[in-house]
């Protein structure tokens, strides 16, 4: 495994452009033409439905989605329906999990959760896991959702990861896009955000900077290398 992870932050990127970029990077790793990447970004308002395929967990009609400016994608990650939007830090690690790494899919998911748990602990916030569910929780409220695809590596034994985590930062995000769905199909628990928990305002780019050392430490990278933002239809400076 490489000791270097290439990191980028894109302030706002259309979901379709980010999905295409992930596929391109997975292919580059598989052919040996590219290195491992951590894409950090925000999306415009978007619902994504994962492989569990429960359209009944979308509560708004097509007309309501258009009125609210929310796009909808059925995608190839695991899990149910979730929301992405401004005020949420999304992370897409594109990593090679081969036999030398010692990370099976279950351990990879738990490690990704731990990155966010440790970041929150650094902020003085006690977060953890909830039995039978993925993601990061503060009590009965989910602050970060996780949905992964493990792409079979054709050139060697192992998998290449895509998709990743969505970490709620902005206040009121639970009353915005999340009110139009049953998030991850979980009716009995709600969602929260970092600002709702602390009552403080945060800069999402700064959080991206601060979370990278936790990611590098847990996944064994000695040298995160920051690069330029990727272009996408909705990218803004």
Protein backbone atom coordinates (compact mmCIF):
# COMPACT_ATOMS: atom_id res chain seq x y z
CA UNK A 1 0.00 0.00 0.00
CA UNK A 2 1.10 3.57 -0.66
CA UNK A 3 2.00 5.81 2.28
CA UNK A 4 0.54 8.79 0.40
CA UNK A 5 -3.12 9.77 0.10
CA UNK A 6 -4.06 12.53 -2.34
CA UNK A 7 -6.68 14.87 -0.87
CA UNK A 8 -8.88 17.51 -2.50
CA UNK A 9 -11.66 19.79 -1.31
CA UNK A 10 -14.32 21.06 -3.72
CA UNK A 11 -16.74 23.66 -2.27
CA UNK A 12 -19.75 22.54 -4.33
CA UNK A 13 -19.95 19.77 -6.92
CA UNK A 14 -22.92 18.26 -8.73
CA UNK A 15 -23.61 14.72 -7.58
CA UNK A 16 -23.39 13.25 -11.10
CA UNK A 17 -19.95 14.82 -11.64
CA UNK A 18 -18.67 13.43 -8.34
CA UNK A 19 -20.06 9.97 -9.13
CA UNK A 20 -18.33 9.99 -12.53
CA UNK A 21 -15.09 11.16 -10.92
CA UNK A 22 -15.20 8.27 -8.44
CA UNK A 23 -15.63 5.74 -11.26
CA UNK A 24 -12.70 7.31 -13.11
CA UNK A 25 -10.45 7.13 -10.04
CA UNK A 26 -11.46 3.52 -9.28
CA UNK A 27 -10.50 2.59 -12.85
CA UNK A 28 -7.17 4.40 -12.54
CA UNK A 29 -6.24 2.48 -9.38
CA UNK A 30 -7.31 -0.82 -10.95
CA UNK A 31 -5.07 -0.26 -13.98
CA UNK A 32 -2.19 1.05 -11.89
CA UNK A 33 -2.42 4.49 -13.49
CA UNK A 34 -3.57 6.42 -10.43
CA UNK A 35 -3.11 6.67 -6.69
CA UNK A 36 -5.46 6.58 -3.74
CA UNK A 37 -7.65 9.62 -3.21
CA UNK A 38 -9.82 11.26 -0.59
CA UNK A 39 -12.39 13.56 -2.19
CA UNK A 40 -13.90 16.04 0.28
CA UNK A 41 -16.73 18.21 -0.99
CA UNK A 42 -20.25 19.53 -0.66
CA UNK A 43 -23.17 18.73 -2.96
CA UNK A 44 -26.17 20.80 -4.00
CA UNK A 45 -29.46 19.41 -2.58
CA UNK A 46 -29.60 15.74 -3.62
CA UNK A 47 -31.29 12.50 -2.60
CA UNK A 48 -29.51 9.23 -3.31
CA UNK A 49 -31.15 5.81 -3.08
CA UNK A 50 -28.75 2.92 -2.48
CA UNK A 51 -28.96 -0.76 -3.31
CA UNK A 52 -31.66 -1.55 -0.73
CA UNK A 53 -34.12 0.25 -3.05
CA UNK A 54 -36.96 1.48 -0.84
CA UNK A 55 -38.67 4.21 -2.89
CA UNK A 56 -41.38 4.45 -0.23
CA UNK A 57 -38.83 6.12 2.03
CA UNK A 58 -38.96 9.17 -0.26
CA UNK A 59 -41.86 11.23 1.10
CA UNK A 60 -42.02 14.05 -1.46
CA UNK A 61 -43.44 13.79 -4.96
CA UNK A 62 -41.50 14.51 -8.15
CA UNK A 63 -43.19 17.92 -8.36
CA UNK A 64 -42.19 18.74 -4.78
CA UNK A 65 -38.59 17.77 -5.53
CA UNK A 66 -38.54 20.11 -8.54
CA UNK A 67 -40.08 22.91 -6.50
CA UNK A 68 -37.43 22.51 -3.81
CA UNK A 69 -34.56 22.11 -6.29
CA UNK A 70 -33.60 18.61 -5.11
CA UNK A 71 -32.25 16.05 -7.58
CA UNK A 72 -32.69 12.28 -7.16
CA UNK A 73 -30.25 9.48 -8.04
CA UNK A 74 -30.50 5.71 -7.74
CA UNK A 75 -26.91 4.68 -7.22
CA UNK A 76 -24.63 1.71 -6.69
CA UNK A 77 -23.61 2.07 -3.04
CA UNK A 78 -25.03 -0.01 -0.21
CA UNK A 79 -27.77 1.27 2.04
CA UNK A 80 -31.05 3.12 1.74
CA UNK A 81 -32.01 6.72 0.96
CA UNK A 82 -30.09 9.72 2.27
CA UNK A 83 -29.73 13.44 1.69
CA UNK A 84 -26.74 15.50 0.57
CA UNK A 85 -26.68 19.27 0.55
CA UNK A 86 -24.80 22.44 1.40
CA UNK A 87 -23.71 22.44 5.01
CA UNK A 88 -22.67 18.79 4.92
CA UNK A 89 -19.09 17.56 4.49
CA UNK A 90 -19.04 14.56 2.16
CA UNK A 91 -16.00 12.31 1.94
CA UNK A 92 -15.31 9.79 -0.83
CA UNK A 93 -12.21 7.66 -0.10
CA UNK A 94 -11.01 5.80 -3.18
CA UNK A 95 -8.74 3.20 -1.60
CA UNK A 96 -7.29 -0.17 -2.54
CA UNK A 97 -8.12 -2.83 0.04
CA UNK A 98 -5.80 -5.66 -0.95
CA UNK A 99 -4.42 -8.52 1.12
CA UNK A 100 -1.48 -6.45 2.40
CA UNK A 101 -3.75 -3.96 4.10
CA UNK A 102 -5.54 -6.12 6.64
CA UNK A 103 -8.85 -4.29 6.12
CA UNK A 104 -11.90 -6.35 5.24
CA UNK A 105 -15.14 -4.51 4.35
CA UNK A 106 -16.49 -4.68 7.92
CA UNK A 107 -13.31 -3.30 9.45
CA UNK A 108 -13.13 -0.60 6.77
CA UNK A 109 -16.61 0.65 7.69
CA UNK A 110 -15.82 0.67 11.41
CA UNK A 111 -12.55 2.54 10.75
CA UNK A 112 -14.32 5.18 8.68
CA UNK A 113 -16.78 5.69 11.53
CA UNK A 114 -13.87 6.01 13.96
CA UNK A 115 -12.34 8.85 11.96
CA UNK A 116 -15.44 10.97 12.62
CA UNK A 117 -15.83 9.75 16.21
CA UNK A 118 -12.26 10.84 16.94
CA UNK A 119 -12.73 14.20 15.24
CA UNK A 120 -15.82 14.85 17.38
CA UNK A 121 -13.95 13.80 20.52
CA UNK A 122 -11.32 16.41 19.64
CA UNK A 123 -14.16 18.95 19.68
CA UNK A 124 -15.26 17.74 23.12
CA UNK A 125 -18.26 15.81 21.77
CA UNK A 126 -18.92 12.21 22.78
CA UNK A 127 -20.13 10.24 19.76
CA UNK A 128 -20.25 6.54 19.00
CA UNK A 129 -22.01 3.73 17.20
CA UNK A 130 -25.51 2.32 17.53
CA UNK A 131 -25.93 -1.44 17.42
CA UNK A 132 -27.39 -2.77 14.16
CA UNK A 133 -26.82 0.55 12.34
CA UNK A 134 -23.92 2.09 10.44
CA UNK A 135 -22.88 5.69 10.86
CA UNK A 136 -21.91 7.94 13.76
CA UNK A 137 -24.41 8.75 16.48
CA UNK A 138 -24.80 11.19 19.34
CA UNK A 139 -27.31 9.48 21.57
CA UNK A 140 -30.29 8.63 19.37
CA UNK A 141 -29.41 11.17 16.68
CA UNK A 142 -27.27 10.38 13.64
CA UNK A 143 -24.66 12.98 12.78
CA UNK A 144 -22.88 11.11 9.98
CA UNK A 145 -24.16 8.53 7.51
CA UNK A 146 -21.97 5.99 5.72
CA UNK A 147 -22.66 4.14 2.48
CA UNK A 148 -19.94 2.25 0.61
CA UNK A 149 -19.38 0.37 -2.61
CA UNK A 150 -16.60 -2.23 -2.76
CA UNK A 151 -15.50 -2.49 -6.39
CA UNK A 152 -13.81 -5.77 -7.23
CA UNK A 153 -10.23 -5.21 -8.31
CA UNK A 154 -9.52 -6.97 -11.59
CA UNK A 155 -5.74 -6.51 -11.63
CA UNK A 156 -5.03 -7.99 -8.17
CA UNK A 157 -6.83 -9.56 -5.23
CA UNK A 158 -8.92 -7.13 -3.25
CA UNK A 159 -11.41 -4.30 -3.58
CA UNK A 160 -11.37 -0.60 -4.39
CA UNK A 161 -13.67 1.54 -2.28
CA UNK A 162 -16.00 4.28 -3.48
CA UNK A 163 -18.74 6.44 -1.96
CA UNK A 164 -18.18 7.12 1.74
CA UNK A 165 -19.48 9.38 4.50
CA UNK A 166 -21.76 12.40 4.87
CA UNK A 167 -21.07 14.46 8.01
CA UNK A 168 -23.80 16.96 8.94
CA UNK A 169 -22.34 20.33 9.90
CA UNK A 170 -24.85 23.16 9.36
CA UNK A 171 -27.61 23.97 11.82
CA UNK A 172 -31.11 22.95 10.79
CA UNK A 173 -30.05 20.44 8.15
CA UNK A 174 -32.44 17.93 9.71
CA UNK A 175 -35.37 20.23 8.95
CA UNK A 176 -34.21 20.80 5.38
CA UNK A 177 -33.69 17.89 3.01
CA UNK A 178 -33.97 15.18 5.65
CA UNK A 179 -37.61 16.08 6.30
CA UNK A 180 -38.54 14.74 2.85
CA UNK A 181 -37.28 11.21 3.48
CA UNK A 182 -37.05 8.47 6.07
CA UNK A 183 -33.24 8.70 6.36
CA UNK A 184 -31.61 5.31 5.80
CA UNK A 185 -35.08 3.82 6.40
CA UNK A 186 -34.80 4.51 10.14
CA UNK A 187 -38.08 5.87 11.47
CA UNK A 188 -37.46 5.72 15.22
CA UNK A 189 -34.38 7.98 15.35
CA UNK A 190 -33.57 11.41 13.98
CA UNK A 191 -30.58 13.30 12.59
CA UNK A 192 -28.52 16.16 13.97
CA UNK A 193 -25.59 18.35 12.99
CA UNK A 194 -22.42 19.69 14.55
CA UNK A 195 -23.86 23.20 14.82
CA UNK A 196 -27.11 21.92 16.34
CA UNK A 197 -25.13 20.05 19.00
CA UNK A 198 -22.72 22.85 19.92
CA UNK A 199 -24.57 26.06 19.06
CA UNK A 200 -21.42 27.28 17.29
CA UNK A 201 -20.80 28.19 13.65
CA UNK A 202 -18.23 26.20 11.64
CA UNK A 203 -16.35 26.64 8.39
CA UNK A 204 -16.65 23.43 6.40
CA UNK A 205 -13.31 23.86 4.64
CA UNK A 206 -11.65 24.12 8.06
CA UNK A 207 -13.37 20.93 9.19
CA UNK A 208 -12.09 19.22 6.04
CA UNK A 209 -8.55 20.33 6.94
CA UNK A 210 -8.95 19.10 10.51
CA UNK A 211 -10.44 15.70 9.71
CA UNK A 212 -7.70 14.66 7.27
CA UNK A 213 -5.06 13.93 9.98
CA UNK A 214 -7.52 11.56 11.70
CA UNK A 215 -8.17 9.82 8.38
CA UNK A 216 -4.44 9.53 7.64
CA UNK A 217 -3.68 8.15 11.09
CA UNK A 218 -6.39 5.49 11.04
CA UNK A 219 -5.63 4.32 7.51
CA UNK A 220 -1.84 4.44 7.86
CA UNK A 221 -0.88 7.33 5.58
CA UNK A 222 2.23 9.26 6.50
CA UNK A 223 1.83 12.02 3.95
CA UNK A 224 -1.54 13.47 2.92
CA UNK A 225 -0.99 15.52 -0.26
CA UNK A 226 -3.50 18.28 -0.95
CA UNK A 227 -4.34 18.95 -4.56
CA UNK A 228 -6.61 21.25 -6.55
CA UNK A 229 -10.39 20.94 -6.41
CA UNK A 230 -12.00 18.83 -9.09
CA UNK A 231 -14.20 20.58 -11.60
CA UNK A 232 -17.92 19.92 -11.69
CA UNK A 233 -20.99 21.67 -13.02
CA UNK A 234 -21.91 23.26 -9.69
CA UNK A 235 -18.39 23.94 -8.45
CA UNK A 236 -18.01 27.36 -6.88
CA UNK A 237 -14.99 29.22 -5.55
